[in-house]
């Protein structure tokens, strides 16, 4: 096993998605897929990210930008 594959499901289209472990520290962007989102016409935010198998149990914080540029999470 080479780690954990995490997939995020959001209630609306997102133009950017980021995550972090725990309650503090910087967020890491998930990047973009090599396709445009049909609802926004912009590159599709990657809904997945990888974590090493050595990751200890904890809270994963997620935030995203909606199509209006508002941050949620």
Foldseek 3Di string as FASTA:
>chain_A
DFFDKDFDDDPAFFPWKWKDFDDDDDTDTQAFDPDADPVQRHTGGGRMDTDGNPDDDGDMDMWTAHSVRDIDD
